[in-house]
Amino acid sequence: MNTSTHATTPPDGDCYELRFMSLFREGRGLSFPCGPRGEVCLDELSERARANYFYARAVVGREFSVPAVVAH
């Protein structure tokens, strides 16, 4: 049986964010907790955050840049 887990905080303790930066407003954007490869656990997001995440993905290249995974 194959199982898959989506953890927003990897076991090594590092935290990551998936950042969508605005193409038009410097310093503006959206970010979401993710794993080291950019996996976002949708079940851990609030309804509003989930809607923002889907919106950001839909407008990449028109309103937001391609997202980047950033460790912090």
PDB file of N, CA and C in Angstrom:
ATOM      1  N   MET A   1       0.838  -1.181   0.000  1.00  0.00           N
ATOM      2  CA  MET A   1       0.000   0.000   0.000  1.00  0.00           C
ATOM      3  C   MET A   1       0.878   1.238   0.000  1.00  0.00           C
ATOM      4  N   ASN A   2       0.651   2.120  -0.938  1.00  0.00           N
ATOM      5  CA  ASN A   2       1.404   3.370  -1.001  1.00  0.00           C
ATOM      6  C   ASN A   2       0.632   4.450  -0.266  1.00  0.00           C
ATOM      7  N   THR A   3       1.322   5.138   0.603  1.00  0.00           N
ATOM      8  CA  THR A   3       0.702   6.266   1.292  1.00  0.00           C
ATOM      9  C   THR A   3       1.529   7.500   1.049  1.00  0.00           C
ATOM     10  N   SER A   4       0.875   8.624   1.082  1.00  0.00           N
ATOM     11  CA  SER A   4       1.566   9.883   0.859  1.00  0.00           C
ATOM     12  C   SER A   4       1.131  10.859   1.930  1.00  0.00           C
ATOM     13  N   THR A   5       2.092  11.555   2.505  1.00  0.00           N
ATOM     14  CA  THR A   5       1.759  12.593   3.474  1.00  0.00           C
ATOM     15  C   THR A   5       2.300  13.908   2.966  1.00  0.00           C
ATOM     16  N   HIS A   6       1.591  14.954   3.273  1.00  0.00           N
ATOM     17  CA  HIS A   6       2.022  16.292   2.889  1.00  0.00           C
ATOM     18  C   HIS A   6       2.260  17.077   4.160  1.00  0.00           C
ATOM     19  N   ALA A   7       3.492  17.207   4.543  1.00  0.00           N
ATOM     20  CA  ALA A   7       3.819  17.955   5.756  1.00  0.00           C
ATOM     21  C   ALA A   7       4.298  19.338   5.372  1.00  0.00           C
ATOM     22  N   THR A   8       3.802  20.347   6.064  1.00  0.00           N
ATOM     23  CA  THR A   8       4.268  21.696   5.777  1.00  0.00           C
ATOM     24  C   THR A   8       5.575  21.995   6.496  1.00  0.00           C
ATOM     25  N   THR A   9       5.887  21.225   7.533  1.00  0.00           N
ATOM     26  CA  THR A   9       7.160  21.368   8.227  1.00  0.00           C
ATOM     27  C   THR A   9       7.906  20.049   8.149  1.00  0.00           C
ATOM     28  N   PRO A  10       8.983  19.999   7.366  1.00  0.00           N
ATOM     29  CA  PRO A  10       9.743  18.766   7.228  1.00  0.00           C
ATOM     30  C   PRO A  10      10.337  18.319   8.554  1.00  0.00           C
ATOM     31  N   PRO A  11      10.681  17.017   8.672  1.00  0.00           N
ATOM     32  CA  PRO A  11      11.210  16.485   9.921  1.00  0.00           C
ATOM     33  C   PRO A  11      12.478  17.172  10.407  1.00  0.00           C
ATOM     34  N   ASP A  12      13.266  17.751   9.518  1.00  0.00           N
ATOM     35  CA  ASP A  12      14.517  18.377   9.946  1.00  0.00           C
ATOM     36  C   ASP A  12      14.292  19.742  10.594  1.00  0.00           C
ATOM     37  N   GLY A  13      13.026  20.182  10.670  1.00  0.00           N
ATOM     38  CA  GLY A  13      12.716  21.426  11.350  1.00  0.00           C
ATOM     39  C   GLY A  13      12.743  22.658  10.470  1.00  0.00           C
ATOM     40  N   ASP A  14      13.222  22.548   9.227  1.00  0.00           N
ATOM     41  CA  ASP A  14      13.229  23.699   8.336  1.00  0.00           C
ATOM     42  C   ASP A  14      11.802  24.026   7.921  1.00  0.00           C
ATOM     43  N   CYS A  15      11.523  25.303   7.761  1.00  0.00           N
ATOM     44  CA  CYS A  15      10.217  25.756   7.302  1.00  0.00           C
ATOM     45  C   CYS A  15      10.376  26.349   5.908  1.00  0.00           C
ATOM     46  N   TYR A  16       9.391  26.116   5.085  1.00  0.00           N
ATOM     47  CA  TYR A  16       9.424  26.611   3.711  1.00  0.00           C
ATOM     48  C   TYR A  16       8.140  27.341   3.388  1.00  0.00           C
ATOM     49  N   GLU A  17       8.236  28.274   2.464  1.00  0.00           N
ATOM     50  CA  GLU A  17       7.084  28.995   1.945  1.00  0.00           C
ATOM     51  C   GLU A  17       7.117  28.943   0.429  1.00  0.00           C
ATOM     52  N   LEU A  18       5.946  28.825  -0.158  1.00  0.00           N
ATOM     53  CA  LEU A  18       5.793  28.947  -1.598  1.00  0.00           C
ATOM     54  C   LEU A  18       5.327  30.370  -1.836  1.00  0.00           C
ATOM     55  N   ARG A  19       6.159  31.180  -2.503  1.00  0.00           N
ATOM     56  CA  ARG A  19       5.874  32.608  -2.664  1.00  0.00           C
ATOM     57  C   ARG A  19       5.544  32.948  -4.110  1.00  0.00           C
ATOM     58  N   PHE A  20       4.403  33.612  -4.264  1.00  0.00           N
ATOM     59  CA  PHE A  20       3.971  34.161  -5.547  1.00  0.00           C
ATOM     60  C   PHE A  20       4.133  35.671  -5.430  1.00  0.00           C
ATOM     61  N   MET A  21       5.050  36.254  -6.164  1.00  0.00           N
ATOM     62  CA  MET A  21       5.291  37.691  -6.081  1.00  0.00           C
ATOM     63  C   MET A  21       4.523  38.417  -7.192  1.00  0.00           C
ATOM     64  N   SER A  22       3.981  39.592  -6.845  1.00  0.00           N
ATOM     65  CA  SER A  22       3.222  40.396  -7.791  1.00  0.00           C
ATOM     66  C   SER A  22       4.131  40.865  -8.926  1.00  0.00           C
ATOM     67  N   LEU A  23       3.591  40.844 -10.130  1.00  0.00           N
ATOM     68  CA  LEU A  23       4.344  41.353 -11.281  1.00  0.00           C
ATOM     69  C   LEU A  23       4.249  42.873 -11.385  1.00  0.00           C
ATOM     70  N   PHE A  24       3.290  43.479 -10.661  1.00  0.00           N
ATOM     71  CA  PHE A  24       3.025  44.900 -10.825  1.00  0.00           C
ATOM     72  C   PHE A  24       3.263  45.732  -9.578  1.00  0.00           C
ATOM     73  N   ARG A  25       3.232  45.117  -8.406  1.00  0.00           N
ATOM     74  CA  ARG A  25       3.419  45.857  -7.155  1.00  0.00           C
ATOM     75  C   ARG A  25       4.583  45.261  -6.394  1.00  0.00           C
ATOM     76  N   GLU A  26       5.713  45.937  -6.464  1.00  0.00           N
ATOM     77  CA  GLU A  26       6.920  45.444  -5.793  1.00  0.00           C
ATOM     78  C   GLU A  26       6.677  45.257  -4.299  1.00  0.00           C
ATOM     79  N   GLY A  27       7.121  44.124  -3.788  1.00  0.00           N
ATOM     80  CA  GLY A  27       6.967  43.828  -2.376  1.00  0.00           C
ATOM     81  C   GLY A  27       5.635  43.182  -2.022  1.00  0.00           C
ATOM     82  N   ARG A  28       4.745  43.059  -2.991  1.00  0.00           N
ATOM     83  CA  ARG A  28       3.438  42.446  -2.746  1.00  0.00           C
ATOM     84  C   ARG A  28       3.436  41.025  -3.280  1.00  0.00           C
ATOM     85  N   GLY A  29       2.624  40.183  -2.682  1.00  0.00           N
ATOM     86  CA  GLY A  29       2.500  38.814  -3.159  1.00  0.00           C
ATOM     87  C   GLY A  29       1.725  37.969  -2.170  1.00  0.00           C
ATOM     88  N   LEU A  30       1.697  36.695  -2.430  1.00  0.00           N
ATOM     89  CA  LEU A  30       1.042  35.726  -1.566  1.00  0.00           C
ATOM     90  C   LEU A  30       2.038  34.628  -1.230  1.00  0.00           C
ATOM     91  N   SER A  31       1.977  34.106  -0.014  1.00  0.00           N
ATOM     92  CA  SER A  31       2.852  32.998   0.353  1.00  0.00           C
ATOM     93  C   SER A  31       2.055  31.978   1.159  1.00  0.00           C
ATOM     94  N   PHE A  32       2.496  30.730   1.027  1.00  0.00           N
ATOM     95  CA  PHE A  32       1.802  29.607   1.654  1.00  0.00           C
ATOM     96  C   PHE A  32       2.832  28.642   2.217  1.00  0.00           C
ATOM     97  N   PRO A  33       2.559  28.052   3.387  1.00  0.00           N
ATOM     98  CA  PRO A  33       3.492  27.062   3.933  1.00  0.00           C
ATOM     99  C   PRO A  33       3.559  25.860   3.003  1.00  0.00           C
ATOM    100  N   CYS A  34       4.761  25.303   2.853  1.00  0.00           N
ATOM    101  CA  CYS A  34       4.927  24.172   1.940  1.00  0.00           C
ATOM    102  C   CYS A  34       6.089  23.300   2.392  1.00  0.00           C
ATOM    103  N   GLY A  35       6.266  22.199   1.695  1.00  0.00           N
ATOM    104  CA  GLY A  35       7.397  21.322   1.911  1.00  0.00           C
ATOM    105  C   GLY A  35       8.583  21.788   1.090  1.00  0.00           C
ATOM    106  N   PRO A  36       9.710  21.113   1.188  1.00  0.00           N
ATOM    107  CA  PRO A  36      10.923  21.557   0.501  1.00  0.00           C
ATOM    108  C   PRO A  36      10.823  21.536  -1.020  1.00  0.00           C
ATOM    109  N   ARG A  37       9.861  20.804  -1.569  1.00  0.00           N
ATOM    110  CA  ARG A  37       9.689  20.775  -3.026  1.00  0.00           C
ATOM    111  C   ARG A  37       8.497  21.603  -3.478  1.00  0.00           C
ATOM    112  N   GLY A  38       7.940  22.409  -2.567  1.00  0.00           N
ATOM    113  CA  GLY A  38       6.847  23.300  -2.926  1.00  0.00           C
ATOM    114  C   GLY A  38       5.459  22.703  -2.790  1.00  0.00           C
ATOM    115  N   GLU A  39       5.340  21.542  -2.135  1.00  0.00           N
ATOM    116  CA  GLU A  39       4.031  20.926  -1.969  1.00  0.00           C
ATOM    117  C   GLU A  39       3.256  21.664  -0.888  1.00  0.00           C
ATOM    118  N   VAL A  40       2.071  22.111  -1.223  1.00  0.00           N
ATOM    119  CA  VAL A  40       1.204  22.798  -0.273  1.00  0.00           C
ATOM    120  C   VAL A  40       0.134  21.814   0.178  1.00  0.00           C
ATOM    121  N   CYS A  41      -0.036  21.665   1.484  1.00  0.00           N
ATOM    122  CA  CYS A  41      -1.072  20.783   2.028  1.00  0.00           C
ATOM    123  C   CYS A  41      -2.369  21.584   2.105  1.00  0.00           C
ATOM    124  N   LEU A  42      -3.251  21.361   1.142  1.00  0.00           N
ATOM    125  CA  LEU A  42      -4.487  22.126   1.059  1.00  0.00           C
ATOM    126  C   LEU A  42      -5.375  21.918   2.282  1.00  0.00           C
ATOM    127  N   ASP A  43      -5.323  20.748   2.877  1.00  0.00           N
ATOM    128  CA  ASP A  43      -6.147  20.458   4.050  1.00  0.00           C
ATOM    129  C   ASP A  43      -5.763  21.310   5.257  1.00  0.00           C
ATOM    130  N   GLU A  44      -4.545  21.828   5.275  1.00  0.00           N
ATOM    131  CA  GLU A  44      -4.087  22.637   6.404  1.00  0.00           C
ATOM    132  C   GLU A  44      -4.327  24.133   6.197  1.00  0.00           C
ATOM    133  N   LEU A  45      -4.811  24.516   5.028  1.00  0.00           N
ATOM    134  CA  LEU A  45      -5.085  25.922   4.749  1.00  0.00           C
ATOM    135  C   LEU A  45      -6.516  26.267   5.136  1.00  0.00           C
ATOM    136  N   SER A  46      -6.727  27.512   5.535  1.00  0.00           N
ATOM    137  CA  SER A  46      -8.088  27.981   5.772  1.00  0.00           C
ATOM    138  C   SER A  46      -8.796  28.075   4.417  1.00  0.00           C
ATOM    139  N   GLU A  47     -10.104  28.237   4.464  1.00  0.00           N
ATOM    140  CA  GLU A  47     -10.871  28.345   3.220  1.00  0.00           C
ATOM    141  C   GLU A  47     -10.401  29.541   2.388  1.00  0.00           C
ATOM    142  N   ARG A  48     -10.150  30.663   3.058  1.00  0.00           N
ATOM    143  CA  ARG A  48      -9.696  31.864   2.354  1.00  0.00           C
ATOM    144  C   ARG A  48      -8.299  31.659   1.756  1.00  0.00           C
ATOM    145  N   ALA A  49      -7.393  31.068   2.535  1.00  0.00           N
ATOM    146  CA  ALA A  49      -6.034  30.814   2.039  1.00  0.00           C
ATOM    147  C   ALA A  49      -6.072  29.856   0.856  1.00  0.00           C
ATOM    148  N   ARG A  50      -6.928  28.847   0.925  1.00  0.00           N
ATOM    149  CA  ARG A  50      -7.053  27.888  -0.179  1.00  0.00           C
ATOM    150  C   ARG A  50      -7.550  28.594  -1.444  1.00  0.00           C
ATOM    151  N   ALA A  51      -8.520  29.493  -1.302  1.00  0.00           N
ATOM    152  CA  ALA A  51      -9.018  30.258  -2.449  1.00  0.00           C
ATOM    153  C   ALA A  51      -7.916  31.150  -3.019  1.00  0.00           C
ATOM    154  N   ASN A  52      -7.139  31.797  -2.147  1.00  0.00           N
ATOM    155  CA  ASN A  52      -6.023  32.640  -2.604  1.00  0.00           C
ATOM    156  C   ASN A  52      -4.964  31.817  -3.326  1.00  0.00           C
ATOM    157  N   TYR A  53      -4.691  30.619  -2.813  1.00  0.00           N
ATOM    158  CA  TYR A  53      -3.703  29.737  -3.437  1.00  0.00           C
ATOM    159  C   TYR A  53      -4.144  29.364  -4.859  1.00  0.00           C
ATOM    160  N   PHE A  54      -5.402  28.942  -5.005  1.00  0.00           N
ATOM    161  CA  PHE A  54      -5.895  28.574  -6.337  1.00  0.00           C
ATOM    162  C   PHE A  54      -5.911  29.776  -7.274  1.00  0.00           C
ATOM    163  N   TYR A  55      -6.243  30.953  -6.735  1.00  0.00           N
ATOM    164  CA  TYR A  55      -6.221  32.171  -7.547  1.00  0.00           C
ATOM    165  C   TYR A  55      -4.807  32.477  -8.020  1.00  0.00           C
ATOM    166  N   ALA A  56      -3.854  32.445  -7.094  1.00  0.00           N
ATOM    167  CA  ALA A  56      -2.459  32.746  -7.449  1.00  0.00           C
ATOM    168  C   ALA A  56      -1.959  31.795  -8.532  1.00  0.00           C
ATOM    169  N   ARG A  57      -2.265  30.519  -8.392  1.00  0.00           N
ATOM    170  CA  ARG A  57      -1.850  29.543  -9.408  1.00  0.00           C
ATOM    171  C   ARG A  57      -2.468  29.849 -10.764  1.00  0.00           C
ATOM    172  N   ALA A  58      -3.720  30.299 -10.765  1.00  0.00           N
ATOM    173  CA  ALA A  58      -4.437  30.548 -12.016  1.00  0.00           C
ATOM    174  C   ALA A  58      -3.911  31.766 -12.773  1.00  0.00           C
ATOM    175  N   VAL A  59      -3.325  32.723 -12.057  1.00  0.00           N
ATOM    176  CA  VAL A  59      -2.900  33.954 -12.722  1.00  0.00           C
ATOM    177  C   VAL A  59      -1.374  34.105 -12.793  1.00  0.00           C
ATOM    178  N   VAL A  60      -0.649  33.004 -12.652  1.00  0.00           N
ATOM    179  CA  VAL A  60       0.809  33.043 -12.833  1.00  0.00           C
ATOM    180  C   VAL A  60       1.099  33.514 -14.253  1.00  0.00           C
ATOM    181  N   GLY A  61       1.974  34.482 -14.364  1.00  0.00           N
ATOM    182  CA  GLY A  61       2.339  35.038 -15.664  1.00  0.00           C
ATOM    183  C   GLY A  61       1.487  36.226 -16.070  1.00  0.00           C
ATOM    184  N   ARG A  62       0.360  36.416 -15.405  1.00  0.00           N
ATOM    185  CA  ARG A  62      -0.503  37.566 -15.696  1.00  0.00           C
ATOM    186  C   ARG A  62      -0.527  38.549 -14.532  1.00  0.00           C
ATOM    187  N   GLU A  63      -0.537  38.019 -13.305  1.00  0.00           N
ATOM    188  CA  GLU A  63      -0.561  38.876 -12.124  1.00  0.00           C
ATOM    189  C   GLU A  63       0.562  38.555 -11.140  1.00  0.00           C
ATOM    190  N   PHE A  64       0.935  37.269 -11.089  1.00  0.00           N
ATOM    191  CA  PHE A  64       2.009  36.827 -10.198  1.00  0.00           C
ATOM    192  C   PHE A  64       3.100  36.125 -10.998  1.00  0.00           C
ATOM    193  N   SER A  65       4.322  36.188 -10.448  1.00  0.00           N
ATOM    194  CA  SER A  65       5.441  35.467 -11.065  1.00  0.00           C
ATOM    195  C   SER A  65       5.326  33.980 -10.748  1.00  0.00           C
ATOM    196  N   VAL A  66       6.130  33.189 -11.419  1.00  0.00           N
ATOM    197  CA  VAL A  66       6.217  31.759 -11.113  1.00  0.00           C
ATOM    198  C   VAL A  66       6.642  31.648  -9.657  1.00  0.00           C
ATOM    199  N   PRO A  67       5.985  30.804  -8.878  1.00  0.00           N
ATOM    200  CA  PRO A  67       6.291  30.765  -7.446  1.00  0.00           C
ATOM    201  C   PRO A  67       7.686  30.217  -7.160  1.00  0.00           C
ATOM    202  N   ALA A  68       8.222  30.647  -6.037  1.00  0.00           N
ATOM    203  CA  ALA A  68       9.540  30.180  -5.583  1.00  0.00           C
ATOM    204  C   ALA A  68       9.400  29.572  -4.200  1.00  0.00           C
ATOM    205  N   VAL A  69      10.152  28.517  -3.944  1.00  0.00           N
ATOM    206  CA  VAL A  69      10.199  27.913  -2.618  1.00  0.00           C
ATOM    207  C   VAL A  69      11.321  28.594  -1.850  1.00  0.00           C
ATOM    208  N   VAL A  70      10.969  29.137  -0.684  1.00  0.00           N
ATOM    209  CA  VAL A  70      11.929  29.900   0.114  1.00  0.00           C
ATOM    210  C   VAL A  70      11.994  29.288   1.507  1.00  0.00           C
ATOM    211  N   ALA A  71      13.207  28.950   1.954  1.00  0.00           N
ATOM    212  CA  ALA A  71      13.407  28.451   3.319  1.00  0.00           C
ATOM    213  C   ALA A  71      13.542  29.655   4.259  1.00  0.00           C
ATOM    214  N   HIS A  72      13.006  29.504   5.444  1.00  0.00           N
ATOM    215  CA  HIS A  72      13.154  30.574   6.438  1.00  0.00           C
ATOM    216  C   HIS A  72      13.235  30.007   7.820  1.00  0.00           C
TER     217      HIS A  72
END
